[in-house]
Amino acid sequence: MTPEEKSLLERTYKLAEENNSILRGIRRTNRWGIAFKTFYWVVIIGATFGLFYFLQPYIESSRDLINQASKSIKSVNGTINKVQGSFSGN
């Protein structure tokens, strides 16, 4: 093996080692990114369900209040129709 070939082989080996360390770093960063993204979505989904569980009694009471208001409005409309019917009947 000539000195030029040996030098070229050593440089190639150093480049391969450097590339290997860079690729390992990229792979490690990618794994951490996937782990953090998974953790992020678990927290977001968990917080959504937790918030819904916490707010559910308030949501149900608001829904009941809206239903009662709707029934009252229908009752008032019925009364108005009766009054208008009695006036138009005369």
Protein backbone atom coordinates (compact mmCIF):
# COMPACT_ATOMS: atom_id res chain seq x y z
CA MET A 1 0.00 0.00 0.00
CA THR A 2 1.46 3.32 -1.00
CA PRO A 3 1.55 6.28 1.38
CA GLU A 4 -1.04 8.11 -0.76
CA GLU A 5 -3.43 5.17 -0.57
CA LYS A 6 -2.89 4.87 3.17
CA SER A 7 -3.55 8.60 3.64
CA LEU A 8 -6.68 8.40 1.50
CA LEU A 9 -7.89 5.36 3.47
CA GLU A 10 -7.33 7.16 6.79
CA ARG A 11 -9.20 10.26 5.60
CA THR A 12 -12.04 8.07 4.38
CA TYR A 13 -12.16 6.31 7.74
CA LYS A 14 -12.27 9.65 9.60
CA LEU A 15 -15.07 10.90 7.35
CA ALA A 16 -17.02 7.68 7.88
CA GLU A 17 -16.65 8.03 11.66
CA GLU A 18 -17.75 11.67 11.51
CA ASN A 19 -20.76 10.81 9.34
CA ASN A 20 -21.68 7.99 11.70
CA SER A 21 -21.64 10.31 14.73
CA ILE A 22 -23.70 12.93 12.85
CA LEU A 23 -26.26 10.32 11.77
CA ARG A 24 -26.53 8.98 15.32
CA GLY A 25 -27.18 12.51 16.56
CA ILE A 26 -29.87 13.04 13.92
CA ARG A 27 -31.51 9.75 14.84
CA ARG A 28 -31.40 10.57 18.56
CA THR A 29 -32.91 14.02 17.92
CA ASN A 30 -35.63 12.43 15.80
CA ARG A 31 -36.51 9.96 18.56
CA TRP A 32 -36.69 12.74 21.16
CA GLY A 33 -38.86 14.77 18.80
CA ILE A 34 -41.29 11.87 18.37
CA ALA A 35 -41.38 11.33 22.14
CA PHE A 36 -42.09 15.00 22.87
CA LYS A 37 -44.72 15.21 20.12
CA THR A 38 -46.47 12.14 21.54
CA PHE A 39 -46.31 13.61 25.05
CA TYR A 40 -47.65 16.92 23.71
CA TRP A 41 -50.70 15.30 22.12
CA VAL A 42 -51.37 13.12 25.17
CA VAL A 43 -51.37 16.26 27.32
CA ILE A 44 -53.63 18.15 24.88
CA ILE A 45 -56.15 15.29 24.62
CA GLY A 46 -56.02 14.60 28.37
CA ALA A 47 -56.55 18.27 29.18
CA THR A 48 -59.52 18.38 26.80
CA PHE A 49 -61.21 15.43 28.46
CA GLY A 50 -60.34 16.75 31.91
CA LEU A 51 -61.77 20.15 31.09
CA PHE A 52 -64.94 18.59 29.71
CA TYR A 53 -65.29 16.46 32.86
CA PHE A 54 -64.81 19.58 35.01
CA LEU A 55 -67.23 21.74 33.00
CA GLN A 56 -69.89 19.06 32.40
CA PRO A 57 -72.17 20.10 35.32
CA TYR A 58 -72.11 23.72 34.13
CA ILE A 59 -72.83 22.67 30.55
CA GLU A 60 -75.78 20.53 31.65
CA SER A 61 -77.23 23.31 33.81
CA SER A 62 -76.87 25.76 30.91
CA ARG A 63 -78.61 23.29 28.60
CA ASP A 64 -81.46 22.92 31.10
CA LEU A 65 -81.73 26.70 31.38
CA ILE A 66 -81.90 27.04 27.59
CA ASN A 67 -84.60 24.35 27.42
CA GLN A 68 -86.64 26.14 30.09
CA ALA A 69 -86.26 29.45 28.24
CA SER A 70 -87.38 27.78 25.02
CA LYS A 71 -90.48 26.36 26.74
CA SER A 72 -91.26 29.78 28.23
CA ILE A 73 -90.95 31.44 24.82
CA LYS A 74 -93.26 28.82 23.28
CA SER A 75 -95.74 29.40 26.10
CA VAL A 76 -95.63 33.18 25.59
CA ASN A 77 -96.10 32.70 21.83
CA GLY A 78 -99.09 30.43 22.52
CA THR A 79 -100.59 33.03 24.83
CA ILE A 80 -100.06 35.77 22.26
CA ASN A 81 -101.74 33.64 19.62
CA LYS A 82 -104.72 33.04 21.94
CA VAL A 83 -105.04 36.75 22.67
CA GLN A 84 -104.83 37.60 18.97
CA GLY A 85 -107.41 34.91 18.22
CA SER A 86 -109.79 36.33 20.80
CA PHE A 87 -109.45 39.82 19.36
CA SER A 88 -109.95 38.69 15.79
CA GLY A 89 -112.98 36.60 16.80
CA ASN A 90 -114.89 39.70 17.87
